[in-house]
PDB file of N, CA and C in Angstrom:
ATOM      1  N   MET A   1      41.198  55.503  53.949  1.00  0.00           N
ATOM      2  CA  MET A   1      41.152  54.385  54.090  1.00  0.00           C
ATOM      3  C   MET A   1      42.492  54.262  54.216  1.00  0.00           C
ATOM      4  N   SER A   2      43.063  53.342  55.442  1.00  0.00           N
ATOM      5  CA  SER A   2      44.610  53.372  55.851  1.00  0.00           C
ATOM      6  C   SER A   2      44.782  51.991  54.966  1.00  0.00           C
ATOM      7  N   GLU A   3      45.610  51.988  54.202  1.00  0.00           N
ATOM      8  CA  GLU A   3      46.382  50.492  54.134  1.00  0.00           C
ATOM      9  C   GLU A   3      46.549  49.504  54.267  1.00  0.00           C
ATOM     10  N   GLN A   4      47.220  49.417  55.032  1.00  0.00           N
ATOM     11  CA  GLN A   4      46.202  48.623  56.682  1.00  0.00           C
ATOM     12  C   GLN A   4      45.187  48.113  56.530  1.00  0.00           C
ATOM     13  N   GLN A   5      44.080  48.404  56.013  1.00  0.00           N
ATOM     14  CA  GLN A   5      42.421  48.651  55.723  1.00  0.00           C
ATOM     15  C   GLN A   5      42.146  46.950  54.437  1.00  0.00           C
ATOM     16  N   HIS A   6      43.065  47.794  53.771  1.00  0.00           N
ATOM     17  CA  HIS A   6      42.680  46.659  52.083  1.00  0.00           C
ATOM     18  C   HIS A   6      43.265  45.332  52.937  1.00  0.00           C
ATOM     19  N   ILE A   7      45.238  45.705  53.065  1.00  0.00           N
ATOM     20  CA  ILE A   7      45.445  44.017  53.708  1.00  0.00           C
ATOM     21  C   ILE A   7      44.931  44.070  54.862  1.00  0.00           C
ATOM     22  N   ASP A   8      45.705  42.380  54.317  1.00  0.00           N
ATOM     23  CA  ASP A   8      45.452  42.066  56.009  1.00  0.00           C
ATOM     24  C   ASP A   8      47.287  41.189  56.137  1.00  0.00           C
ATOM     25  N   HIS A   9      47.713  42.369  57.116  1.00  0.00           N
ATOM     26  CA  HIS A   9      49.471  41.947  57.184  1.00  0.00           C
ATOM     27  C   HIS A   9      50.064  40.500  57.732  1.00  0.00           C
ATOM     28  N   ASP A  10      48.937  40.622  58.116  1.00  0.00           N
ATOM     29  CA  ASP A  10      49.481  38.881  59.271  1.00  0.00           C
ATOM     30  C   ASP A  10      49.673  37.636  57.777  1.00  0.00           C
ATOM     31  N   ALA A  11      47.997  37.851  57.225  1.00  0.00           N
ATOM     32  CA  ALA A  11      47.983  36.578  56.934  1.00  0.00           C
ATOM     33  C   ALA A  11      48.891  36.696  55.422  1.00  0.00           C
ATOM     34  N   LEU A  12      49.349  38.440  54.836  1.00  0.00           N
ATOM     35  CA  LEU A  12      50.473  37.368  54.346  1.00  0.00           C
ATOM     36  C   LEU A  12      52.006  37.594  54.235  1.00  0.00           C
ATOM     37  N   SER A  13      52.296  37.635  55.650  1.00  0.00           N
ATOM     38  CA  SER A  13      53.709  37.759  56.067  1.00  0.00           C
ATOM     39  C   SER A  13      53.176  36.381  56.091  1.00  0.00           C
ATOM     40  N   GLU A  14      52.736  35.122  56.986  1.00  0.00           N
ATOM     41  CA  GLU A  14      52.735  34.179  56.548  1.00  0.00           C
ATOM     42  C   GLU A  14      51.977  33.135  55.115  1.00  0.00           C
ATOM     43  N   LEU A  15      52.132  34.336  54.787  1.00  0.00           N
ATOM     44  CA  LEU A  15      51.711  33.402  52.869  1.00  0.00           C
ATOM     45  C   LEU A  15      52.963  34.030  52.121  1.00  0.00           C
ATOM     46  N   ARG A  16      53.230  34.778  52.734  1.00  0.00           N
ATOM     47  CA  ARG A  16      54.659  34.905  52.315  1.00  0.00           C
ATOM     48  C   ARG A  16      55.833  34.277  52.723  1.00  0.00           C
ATOM     49  N   GLY A  17      55.941  34.227  54.222  1.00  0.00           N
ATOM     50  CA  GLY A  17      56.724  32.680  54.956  1.00  0.00           C
ATOM     51  C   GLY A  17      56.495  31.147  53.548  1.00  0.00           C
ATOM     52  N   VAL A  18      55.253  30.623  54.104  1.00  0.00           N
ATOM     53  CA  VAL A  18      54.483  29.293  53.694  1.00  0.00           C
ATOM     54  C   VAL A  18      55.019  29.816  51.578  1.00  0.00           C
ATOM     55  N   MET A  19      54.529  30.965  51.316  1.00  0.00           N
ATOM     56  CA  MET A  19      54.890  30.368  49.950  1.00  0.00           C
ATOM     57  C   MET A  19      56.455  30.251  48.921  1.00  0.00           C
ATOM     58  N   GLY A  20      57.734  31.111  50.229  1.00  0.00           N
ATOM     59  CA  GLY A  20      58.978  31.907  49.469  1.00  0.00           C
ATOM     60  C   GLY A  20      58.801  32.494  48.299  1.00  0.00           C
ATOM     61  N   GLY A  21      60.084  32.515  47.659  1.00  0.00           N
ATOM     62  CA  GLY A  21      59.467  32.715  46.033  1.00  0.00           C
ATOM     63  C   GLY A  21      58.385  33.474  45.060  1.00  0.00           C
ATOM     64  N   ASP A  22      58.373  31.521  45.227  1.00  0.00           N
ATOM     65  CA  ASP A  22      56.350  32.045  44.420  1.00  0.00           C
ATOM     66  C   ASP A  22      55.996  33.099  44.750  1.00  0.00           C
ATOM     67  N   PHE A  23      55.922  33.528  46.508  1.00  0.00           N
ATOM     68  CA  PHE A  23      54.684  34.513  46.585  1.00  0.00           C
ATOM     69  C   PHE A  23      54.587  35.800  46.376  1.00  0.00           C
ATOM     70  N   VAL A  24      55.843  36.109  45.479  1.00  0.00           N
ATOM     71  CA  VAL A  24      55.161  37.155  43.678  1.00  0.00           C
ATOM     72  C   VAL A  24      55.034  36.630  42.844  1.00  0.00           C
ATOM     73  N   ILE A  25      54.236  35.456  42.759  1.00  0.00           N
ATOM     74  CA  ILE A  25      53.782  34.978  41.241  1.00  0.00           C
ATOM     75  C   ILE A  25      52.645  34.677  41.611  1.00  0.00           C
ATOM     76  N   LEU A  26      52.464  34.314  42.568  1.00  0.00           N
ATOM     77  CA  LEU A  26      51.061  34.653  43.553  1.00  0.00           C
ATOM     78  C   LEU A  26      50.110  35.880  43.582  1.00  0.00           C
ATOM     79  N   VAL A  27      50.955  36.517  43.690  1.00  0.00           N
ATOM     80  CA  VAL A  27      50.011  38.086  43.917  1.00  0.00           C
ATOM     81  C   VAL A  27      50.056  38.720  42.534  1.00  0.00           C
ATOM     82  N   ASN A  28      50.896  38.457  41.490  1.00  0.00           N
ATOM     83  CA  ASN A  28      51.158  38.934  39.350  1.00  0.00           C
ATOM     84  C   ASN A  28      50.085  37.927  39.027  1.00  0.00           C
ATOM     85  N   THR A  29      49.302  36.657  39.526  1.00  0.00           N
ATOM     86  CA  THR A  29      48.210  36.222  39.236  1.00  0.00           C
ATOM     87  C   THR A  29      47.752  36.374  39.965  1.00  0.00           C
ATOM     88  N   PHE A  30      46.640  36.856  40.625  1.00  0.00           N
ATOM     89  CA  PHE A  30      45.330  37.107  41.635  1.00  0.00           C
ATOM     90  C   PHE A  30      45.637  38.519  40.528  1.00  0.00           C
ATOM     91  N   LEU A  31      46.538  39.233  40.592  1.00  0.00           N
ATOM     92  CA  LEU A  31      46.024  40.196  40.355  1.00  0.00           C
ATOM     93  C   LEU A  31      45.820  40.725  38.529  1.00  0.00           C
ATOM     94  N   GLN A  32      45.846  39.186  37.896  1.00  0.00           N
ATOM     95  CA  GLN A  32      45.645  39.505  37.064  1.00  0.00           C
ATOM     96  C   GLN A  32      44.262  38.735  36.382  1.00  0.00           C
ATOM     97  N   ASP A  33      44.156  38.180  38.128  1.00  0.00           N
ATOM     98  CA  ASP A  33      42.633  36.984  37.864  1.00  0.00           C
ATOM     99  C   ASP A  33      41.762  38.203  37.764  1.00  0.00           C
ATOM    100  N   ALA A  34      42.283  39.372  38.760  1.00  0.00           N
ATOM    101  CA  ALA A  34      40.929  39.933  39.464  1.00  0.00           C
ATOM    102  C   ALA A  34      40.515  40.823  37.805  1.00  0.00           C
ATOM    103  N   ASP A  35      41.844  41.265  37.338  1.00  0.00           N
ATOM    104  CA  ASP A  35      41.057  42.059  36.366  1.00  0.00           C
ATOM    105  C   ASP A  35      40.618  41.298  35.250  1.00  0.00           C
ATOM    106  N   ASP A  36      40.825  40.314  35.360  1.00  0.00           N
ATOM    107  CA  ASP A  36      40.093  39.181  34.547  1.00  0.00           C
ATOM    108  C   ASP A  36      38.891  39.002  34.966  1.00  0.00           C
ATOM    109  N   ARG A  37      38.405  39.248  35.650  1.00  0.00           N
ATOM    110  CA  ARG A  37      37.392  38.726  36.327  1.00  0.00           C
ATOM    111  C   ARG A  37      36.275  39.593  36.538  1.00  0.00           C
ATOM    112  N   ILE A  38      37.247  40.964  36.013  1.00  0.00           N
ATOM    113  CA  ILE A  38      36.379  42.689  36.933  1.00  0.00           C
ATOM    114  C   ILE A  38      36.224  42.536  35.217  1.00  0.00           C
ATOM    115  N   HIS A  39      36.491  41.805  34.435  1.00  0.00           N
ATOM    116  CA  HIS A  39      35.595  42.060  32.744  1.00  0.00           C
ATOM    117  C   HIS A  39      34.844  41.267  32.700  1.00  0.00           C
ATOM    118  N   HIS A  40      34.797  39.845  33.385  1.00  0.00           N
ATOM    119  CA  HIS A  40      33.413  39.268  33.289  1.00  0.00           C
ATOM    120  C   HIS A  40      32.963  39.460  33.824  1.00  0.00           C
ATOM    121  N   LEU A  41      32.786  40.152  34.658  1.00  0.00           N
ATOM    122  CA  LEU A  41      31.703  41.127  35.608  1.00  0.00           C
ATOM    123  C   LEU A  41      30.981  42.092  34.504  1.00  0.00           C
ATOM    124  N   ARG A  42      32.182  42.843  34.517  1.00  0.00           N
ATOM    125  CA  ARG A  42      31.122  43.664  33.284  1.00  0.00           C
ATOM    126  C   ARG A  42      30.459  43.417  32.221  1.00  0.00           C
ATOM    127  N   GLN A  43      30.732  42.514  31.772  1.00  0.00           N
ATOM    128  CA  GLN A  43      30.643  42.103  30.478  1.00  0.00           C
ATOM    129  C   GLN A  43      28.719  41.205  31.364  1.00  0.00           C
ATOM    130  N   GLY A  44      28.462  40.458  31.888  1.00  0.00           N
ATOM    131  CA  GLY A  44      26.948  40.107  33.191  1.00  0.00           C
ATOM    132  C   GLY A  44      26.157  40.963  32.879  1.00  0.00           C
ATOM    133  N   ALA A  45      26.508  42.091  33.437  1.00  0.00           N
ATOM    134  CA  ALA A  45      26.210  43.217  34.293  1.00  0.00           C
ATOM    135  C   ALA A  45      25.152  44.074  32.842  1.00  0.00           C
ATOM    136  N   ALA A  46      26.665  43.721  31.211  1.00  0.00           N
ATOM    137  CA  ALA A  46      26.334  44.541  30.557  1.00  0.00           C
ATOM    138  C   ALA A  46      24.744  43.923  30.055  1.00  0.00           C
ATOM    139  N   THR A  47      24.957  42.297  29.684  1.00  0.00           N
ATOM    140  CA  THR A  47      24.047  41.283  28.536  1.00  0.00           C
ATOM    141  C   THR A  47      22.658  41.003  30.400  1.00  0.00           C
ATOM    142  N   GLY A  48      23.431  41.857  31.090  1.00  0.00           N
ATOM    143  CA  GLY A  48      21.679  40.660  32.092  1.00  0.00           C
ATOM    144  C   GLY A  48      21.753  39.799  33.055  1.00  0.00           C
ATOM    145  N   ASP A  49      23.170  39.038  32.742  1.00  0.00           N
ATOM    146  CA  ASP A  49      23.281  37.591  33.112  1.00  0.00           C
ATOM    147  C   ASP A  49      23.952  37.687  34.806  1.00  0.00           C
ATOM    148  N   VAL A  50      22.653  37.401  34.859  1.00  0.00           N
ATOM    149  CA  VAL A  50      22.804  37.934  36.377  1.00  0.00           C
ATOM    150  C   VAL A  50      23.245  36.535  36.599  1.00  0.00           C
ATOM    151  N   GLU A  51      23.789  35.323  37.137  1.00  0.00           N
ATOM    152  CA  GLU A  51      23.926  33.520  36.509  1.00  0.00           C
ATOM    153  C   GLU A  51      25.517  34.532  37.192  1.00  0.00           C
ATOM    154  N   ASN A  52      25.981  34.502  35.785  1.00  0.00           N
ATOM    155  CA  ASN A  52      27.864  35.233  35.383  1.00  0.00           C
ATOM    156  C   ASN A  52      28.079  35.872  35.928  1.00  0.00           C
ATOM    157  N   VAL A  53      27.203  36.927  36.596  1.00  0.00           N
ATOM    158  CA  VAL A  53      27.548  38.084  38.065  1.00  0.00           C
ATOM    159  C   VAL A  53      27.945  37.469  38.538  1.00  0.00           C
ATOM    160  N   ARG A  54      26.785  36.854  39.349  1.00  0.00           N
ATOM    161  CA  ARG A  54      26.913  35.974  40.595  1.00  0.00           C
ATOM    162  C   ARG A  54      28.233  34.727  41.463  1.00  0.00           C
ATOM    163  N   LYS A  55      29.097  34.561  39.496  1.00  0.00           N
ATOM    164  CA  LYS A  55      29.529  33.131  39.701  1.00  0.00           C
ATOM    165  C   LYS A  55      31.218  34.154  39.130  1.00  0.00           C
ATOM    166  N   MET A  56      31.176  35.002  38.262  1.00  0.00           N
ATOM    167  CA  MET A  56      32.321  35.379  38.801  1.00  0.00           C
ATOM    168  C   MET A  56      32.828  36.626  40.452  1.00  0.00           C
ATOM    169  N   ALA A  57      32.045  37.590  40.381  1.00  0.00           N
ATOM    170  CA  ALA A  57      31.470  37.439  41.826  1.00  0.00           C
ATOM    171  C   ALA A  57      32.557  36.548  42.776  1.00  0.00           C
ATOM    172  N   HIS A  58      31.565  35.328  43.400  1.00  0.00           N
ATOM    173  CA  HIS A  58      31.486  34.509  43.798  1.00  0.00           C
ATOM    174  C   HIS A  58      33.524  34.139  43.659  1.00  0.00           C
ATOM    175  N   SER A  59      34.091  33.656  42.533  1.00  0.00           N
ATOM    176  CA  SER A  59      35.248  32.864  42.442  1.00  0.00           C
ATOM    177  C   SER A  59      35.954  34.748  42.494  1.00  0.00           C
ATOM    178  N   LEU A  60      35.467  35.498  42.054  1.00  0.00           N
ATOM    179  CA  LEU A  60      37.493  37.042  43.065  1.00  0.00           C
ATOM    180  C   LEU A  60      37.051  37.196  44.182  1.00  0.00           C
ATOM    181  N   LYS A  61      36.085  36.417  44.787  1.00  0.00           N
ATOM    182  CA  LYS A  61      35.685  36.818  46.562  1.00  0.00           C
ATOM    183  C   LYS A  61      36.630  36.037  47.019  1.00  0.00           C
ATOM    184  N   GLY A  62      37.002  34.335  46.902  1.00  0.00           N
ATOM    185  CA  GLY A  62      37.379  33.628  47.040  1.00  0.00           C
ATOM    186  C   GLY A  62      38.282  33.586  47.400  1.00  0.00           C
ATOM    187  N   SER A  63      39.348  34.085  46.133  1.00  0.00           N
ATOM    188  CA  SER A  63      40.949  34.488  45.574  1.00  0.00           C
ATOM    189  C   SER A  63      40.921  36.042  46.647  1.00  0.00           C
ATOM    190  N   CYS A  64      40.308  37.211  47.050  1.00  0.00           N
ATOM    191  CA  CYS A  64      40.353  38.419  47.506  1.00  0.00           C
ATOM    192  C   CYS A  64      39.835  37.903  49.409  1.00  0.00           C
ATOM    193  N   ILE A  65      40.039  36.503  49.715  1.00  0.00           N
ATOM    194  CA  ILE A  65      39.915  36.028  51.607  1.00  0.00           C
ATOM    195  C   ILE A  65      41.453  35.103  50.860  1.00  0.00           C
ATOM    196  N   ASN A  66      41.896  34.055  50.113  1.00  0.00           N
ATOM    197  CA  ASN A  66      43.245  33.897  50.009  1.00  0.00           C
ATOM    198  C   ASN A  66      44.198  34.456  49.571  1.00  0.00           C
ATOM    199  N   ILE A  67      43.882  35.765  49.324  1.00  0.00           N
ATOM    200  CA  ILE A  67      45.324  37.310  49.220  1.00  0.00           C
ATOM    201  C   ILE A  67      45.437  37.589  50.583  1.00  0.00           C
ATOM    202  N   GLY A  68      43.833  38.184  51.133  1.00  0.00           N
ATOM    203  CA  GLY A  68      44.330  38.538  52.720  1.00  0.00           C
ATOM    204  C   GLY A  68      43.664  40.844  52.004  1.00  0.00           C
ATOM    205  N   ALA A  69      42.612  39.880  51.353  1.00  0.00           N
ATOM    206  CA  ALA A  69      41.683  41.483  50.467  1.00  0.00           C
ATOM    207  C   ALA A  69      40.181  41.579  51.315  1.00  0.00           C
ATOM    208  N   PRO A  70      40.496  41.666  52.507  1.00  0.00           N
ATOM    209  CA  PRO A  70      39.054  41.540  53.010  1.00  0.00           C
ATOM    210  C   PRO A  70      38.191  42.494  52.507  1.00  0.00           C
ATOM    211  N   GLU A  71      38.373  44.053  52.302  1.00  0.00           N
ATOM    212  CA  GLU A  71      37.549  44.809  52.258  1.00  0.00           C
ATOM    213  C   GLU A  71      36.898  44.598  50.616  1.00  0.00           C
ATOM    214  N   LEU A  72      37.537  44.058  50.081  1.00  0.00           N
ATOM    215  CA  LEU A  72      38.319  43.691  48.098  1.00  0.00           C
ATOM    216  C   LEU A  72      36.645  42.474  48.601  1.00  0.00           C
ATOM    217  N   ALA A  73      36.739  41.394  49.391  1.00  0.00           N
ATOM    218  CA  ALA A  73      36.474  40.327  49.679  1.00  0.00           C
ATOM    219  C   ALA A  73      34.667  40.735  49.374  1.00  0.00           C
ATOM    220  N   GLU A  74      34.585  41.779  50.571  1.00  0.00           N
ATOM    221  CA  GLU A  74      33.099  42.495  51.426  1.00  0.00           C
ATOM    222  C   GLU A  74      32.453  42.949  50.007  1.00  0.00           C
ATOM    223  N   ARG A  75      33.572  43.528  48.993  1.00  0.00           N
ATOM    224  CA  ARG A  75      32.178  44.500  48.033  1.00  0.00           C
ATOM    225  C   ARG A  75      32.004  43.103  47.065  1.00  0.00           C
ATOM    226  N   CYS A  76      32.493  42.169  46.796  1.00  0.00           N
ATOM    227  CA  CYS A  76      32.133  41.283  45.743  1.00  0.00           C
ATOM    228  C   CYS A  76      31.767  40.335  46.849  1.00  0.00           C
ATOM    229  N   ARG A  77      31.448  40.064  47.866  1.00  0.00           N
ATOM    230  CA  ARG A  77      30.096  39.479  48.520  1.00  0.00           C
ATOM    231  C   ARG A  77      28.912  39.872  47.840  1.00  0.00           C
ATOM    232  N   THR A  78      28.600  41.844  47.825  1.00  0.00           N
ATOM    233  CA  THR A  78      27.947  42.090  47.683  1.00  0.00           C
ATOM    234  C   THR A  78      27.234  42.464  45.574  1.00  0.00           C
ATOM    235  N   ALA A  79      28.270  42.792  45.009  1.00  0.00           N
ATOM    236  CA  ALA A  79      27.607  42.114  43.848  1.00  0.00           C
ATOM    237  C   ALA A  79      27.573  40.291  43.899  1.00  0.00           C
ATOM    238  N   GLU A  80      27.996  39.902  44.696  1.00  0.00           N
ATOM    239  CA  GLU A  80      27.479  38.343  44.632  1.00  0.00           C
ATOM    240  C   GLU A  80      25.668  38.183  44.818  1.00  0.00           C
ATOM    241  N   GLN A  81      25.203  38.768  45.697  1.00  0.00           N
ATOM    242  CA  GLN A  81      24.204  38.296  46.291  1.00  0.00           C
ATOM    243  C   GLN A  81      23.141  39.194  45.254  1.00  0.00           C
ATOM    244  N   ARG A  82      24.023  40.717  44.852  1.00  0.00           N
ATOM    245  CA  ARG A  82      22.990  41.703  43.211  1.00  0.00           C
ATOM    246  C   ARG A  82      22.751  39.812  41.914  1.00  0.00           C
ATOM    247  N   GLY A  83      24.038  39.195  41.894  1.00  0.00           N
ATOM    248  CA  GLY A  83      23.382  38.312  41.065  1.00  0.00           C
ATOM    249  C   GLY A  83      23.044  37.517  41.380  1.00  0.00           C
ATOM    250  N   ARG A  84      22.725  37.274  42.564  1.00  0.00           N
ATOM    251  CA  ARG A  84      21.347  36.001  43.408  1.00  0.00           C
ATOM    252  C   ARG A  84      20.629  36.293  43.246  1.00  0.00           C
ATOM    253  N   ASP A  85      20.535  37.533  43.505  1.00  0.00           N
ATOM    254  CA  ASP A  85      18.821  38.219  43.611  1.00  0.00           C
ATOM    255  C   ASP A  85      18.431  37.896  43.013  1.00  0.00           C
ATOM    256  N   GLY A  86      19.114  38.176  41.231  1.00  0.00           N
ATOM    257  CA  GLY A  86      18.566  38.792  40.469  1.00  0.00           C
ATOM    258  C   GLY A  86      17.772  39.862  40.200  1.00  0.00           C
ATOM    259  N   ASP A  87      19.489  41.108  40.654  1.00  0.00           N
ATOM    260  CA  ASP A  87      18.992  41.752  40.646  1.00  0.00           C
ATOM    261  C   ASP A  87      20.085  42.885  40.685  1.00  0.00           C
ATOM    262  N   LEU A  88      20.345  43.774  39.177  1.00  0.00           N
ATOM    263  CA  LEU A  88      21.273  44.437  38.795  1.00  0.00           C
ATOM    264  C   LEU A  88      21.624  45.307  38.926  1.00  0.00           C
ATOM    265  N   SER A  89      20.037  46.494  39.370  1.00  0.00           N
ATOM    266  CA  SER A  89      19.425  47.685  39.637  1.00  0.00           C
ATOM    267  C   SER A  89      21.490  48.255  40.046  1.00  0.00           C
ATOM    268  N   ASP A  90      21.663  48.592  40.684  1.00  0.00           N
ATOM    269  CA  ASP A  90      23.102  48.555  41.009  1.00  0.00           C
ATOM    270  C   ASP A  90      23.895  47.994  40.546  1.00  0.00           C
ATOM    271  N   ILE A  91      23.829  47.245  39.109  1.00  0.00           N
ATOM    272  CA  ILE A  91      25.506  46.647  39.641  1.00  0.00           C
ATOM    273  C   ILE A  91      26.725  46.767  39.626  1.00  0.00           C
ATOM    274  N   ASP A  92      26.941  48.226  38.715  1.00  0.00           N
ATOM    275  CA  ASP A  92      27.510  49.031  37.536  1.00  0.00           C
ATOM    276  C   ASP A  92      28.195  49.796  39.094  1.00  0.00           C
ATOM    277  N   ALA A  93      27.636  49.999  40.175  1.00  0.00           N
ATOM    278  CA  ALA A  93      27.436  50.889  41.290  1.00  0.00           C
ATOM    279  C   ALA A  93      29.121  50.291  41.776  1.00  0.00           C
ATOM    280  N   CYS A  94      28.481  48.613  42.297  1.00  0.00           N
ATOM    281  CA  CYS A  94      28.817  47.343  42.690  1.00  0.00           C
ATOM    282  C   CYS A  94      30.356  47.847  41.932  1.00  0.00           C
ATOM    283  N   ILE A  95      29.674  47.460  40.740  1.00  0.00           N
ATOM    284  CA  ILE A  95      31.448  46.974  40.184  1.00  0.00           C
ATOM    285  C   ILE A  95      33.037  47.761  40.067  1.00  0.00           C
ATOM    286  N   GLY A  96      31.996  49.403  39.862  1.00  0.00           N
ATOM    287  CA  GLY A  96      32.474  50.492  40.455  1.00  0.00           C
ATOM    288  C   GLY A  96      33.537  50.340  41.627  1.00  0.00           C
ATOM    289  N   ALA A  97      32.478  50.031  42.842  1.00  0.00           N
ATOM    290  CA  ALA A  97      32.904  49.593  43.900  1.00  0.00           C
ATOM    291  C   ALA A  97      34.207  48.609  43.920  1.00  0.00           C
ATOM    292  N   ILE A  98      34.389  47.664  43.472  1.00  0.00           N
ATOM    293  CA  ILE A  98      35.110  46.529  43.263  1.00  0.00           C
ATOM    294  C   ILE A  98      36.305  47.202  42.786  1.00  0.00           C
ATOM    295  N   GLU A  99      36.169  48.090  41.590  1.00  0.00           N
ATOM    296  CA  GLU A  99      37.522  49.057  40.952  1.00  0.00           C
ATOM    297  C   GLU A  99      38.485  49.643  42.178  1.00  0.00           C
ATOM    298  N   GLU A 100      37.452  50.217  42.441  1.00  0.00           N
ATOM    299  CA  GLU A 100      38.308  50.977  42.970  1.00  0.00           C
ATOM    300  C   GLU A 100      38.635  50.187  44.438  1.00  0.00           C
ATOM    301  N   GLU A 101      38.648  49.850  44.878  1.00  0.00           N
ATOM    302  CA  GLU A 101      39.364  48.715  46.188  1.00  0.00           C
ATOM    303  C   GLU A 101      40.502  47.986  45.159  1.00  0.00           C
ATOM    304  N   LEU A 102      40.632  47.490  44.447  1.00  0.00           N
ATOM    305  CA  LEU A 102      40.909  46.621  44.135  1.00  0.00           C
ATOM    306  C   LEU A 102      42.731  47.765  43.563  1.00  0.00           C
ATOM    307  N   ILE A 103      41.818  49.074  43.175  1.00  0.00           N
ATOM    308  CA  ILE A 103      43.516  50.389  42.984  1.00  0.00           C
ATOM    309  C   ILE A 103      44.143  49.412  44.606  1.00  0.00           C
ATOM    310  N   ALA A 104      43.041  50.266  45.618  1.00  0.00           N
ATOM    311  CA  ALA A 104      44.028  50.146  46.527  1.00  0.00           C
ATOM    312  C   ALA A 104      44.494  48.683  47.033  1.00  0.00           C
ATOM    313  N   VAL A 105      44.275  48.179  46.351  1.00  0.00           N
ATOM    314  CA  VAL A 105      44.635  46.802  47.209  1.00  0.00           C
ATOM    315  C   VAL A 105      45.563  45.887  46.474  1.00  0.00           C
ATOM    316  N   ARG A 106      46.326  46.596  45.138  1.00  0.00           N
ATOM    317  CA  ARG A 106      46.867  46.407  43.447  1.00  0.00           C
ATOM    318  C   ARG A 106      48.482  47.123  44.174  1.00  0.00           C
ATOM    319  N   ALA A 107      48.182  48.337  45.788  1.00  0.00           N
ATOM    320  CA  ALA A 107      49.362  49.369  45.790  1.00  0.00           C
ATOM    321  C   ALA A 107      49.369  48.939  46.954  1.00  0.00           C
ATOM    322  N   ALA A 108      48.947  48.761  47.403  1.00  0.00           N
ATOM    323  CA  ALA A 108      49.120  47.260  49.177  1.00  0.00           C
ATOM    324  C   ALA A 108      49.526  46.387  49.165  1.00  0.00           C
ATOM    325  N   LEU A 109      49.184  45.541  48.613  1.00  0.00           N
ATOM    326  CA  LEU A 109      49.846  44.516  47.978  1.00  0.00           C
ATOM    327  C   LEU A 109      51.762  45.404  47.281  1.00  0.00           C
ATOM    328  N   GLU A 110      52.084  46.030  46.166  1.00  0.00           N
ATOM    329  CA  GLU A 110      53.513  45.970  45.689  1.00  0.00           C
ATOM    330  C   GLU A 110      54.164  47.252  46.987  1.00  0.00           C
ATOM    331  N   SER A 111      53.689  47.342  47.805  1.00  0.00           N
ATOM    332  CA  SER A 111      53.922  47.924  49.039  1.00  0.00           C
ATOM    333  C   SER A 111      54.845  47.040  49.778  1.00  0.00           C
ATOM    334  N   PHE A 112      53.523  45.876  49.814  1.00  0.00           N
ATOM    335  CA  PHE A 112      53.606  45.059  50.763  1.00  0.00           C
ATOM    336  C   PHE A 112      55.072  43.490  50.840  1.00  0.00           C
ATOM    337  N   GLN A 113      55.398  43.194  48.897  1.00  0.00           N
ATOM    338  CA  GLN A 113      56.013  43.088  48.354  1.00  0.00           C
ATOM    339  C   GLN A 113      57.334  43.873  48.680  1.00  0.00           C
ATOM    340  N   GLY A 114      57.398  45.191  48.899  1.00  0.00           N
ATOM    341  CA  GLY A 114      58.799  46.091  48.425  1.00  0.00           C
ATOM    342  C   GLY A 114      59.086  46.279  50.056  1.00  0.00           C
ATOM    343  N   SER A 115      58.563  45.370  51.047  1.00  0.00           N
ATOM    344  CA  SER A 115      58.957  45.117  52.614  1.00  0.00           C
ATOM    345  C   SER A 115      59.197  44.278  53.383  1.00  0.00           C
TER     346      SER A 115
END
């Protein structure tokens, strides 16, 4: 998958224009928040807490949409649906897919900031 598919460059350019110098802070905050939410997703999965899984995935999905990471948002939507359905049978794979995409998004965001 190319970098273009990991992040929405048009949305990020617009966001950078609006945020100015605070754009870097926004990106760093997003990345730290994503790490924290994934940690809580893992905790919810480990304890079978479907509501925590749903909430964390939903919240992270919204952040991904706002930062311009549509594939990451879609992976979060899948995990959110698992929590909503009360079916965590494949939640570890869902979280793994989120983590994998976050690595790509992180690299794409770093590259975008440098451009």
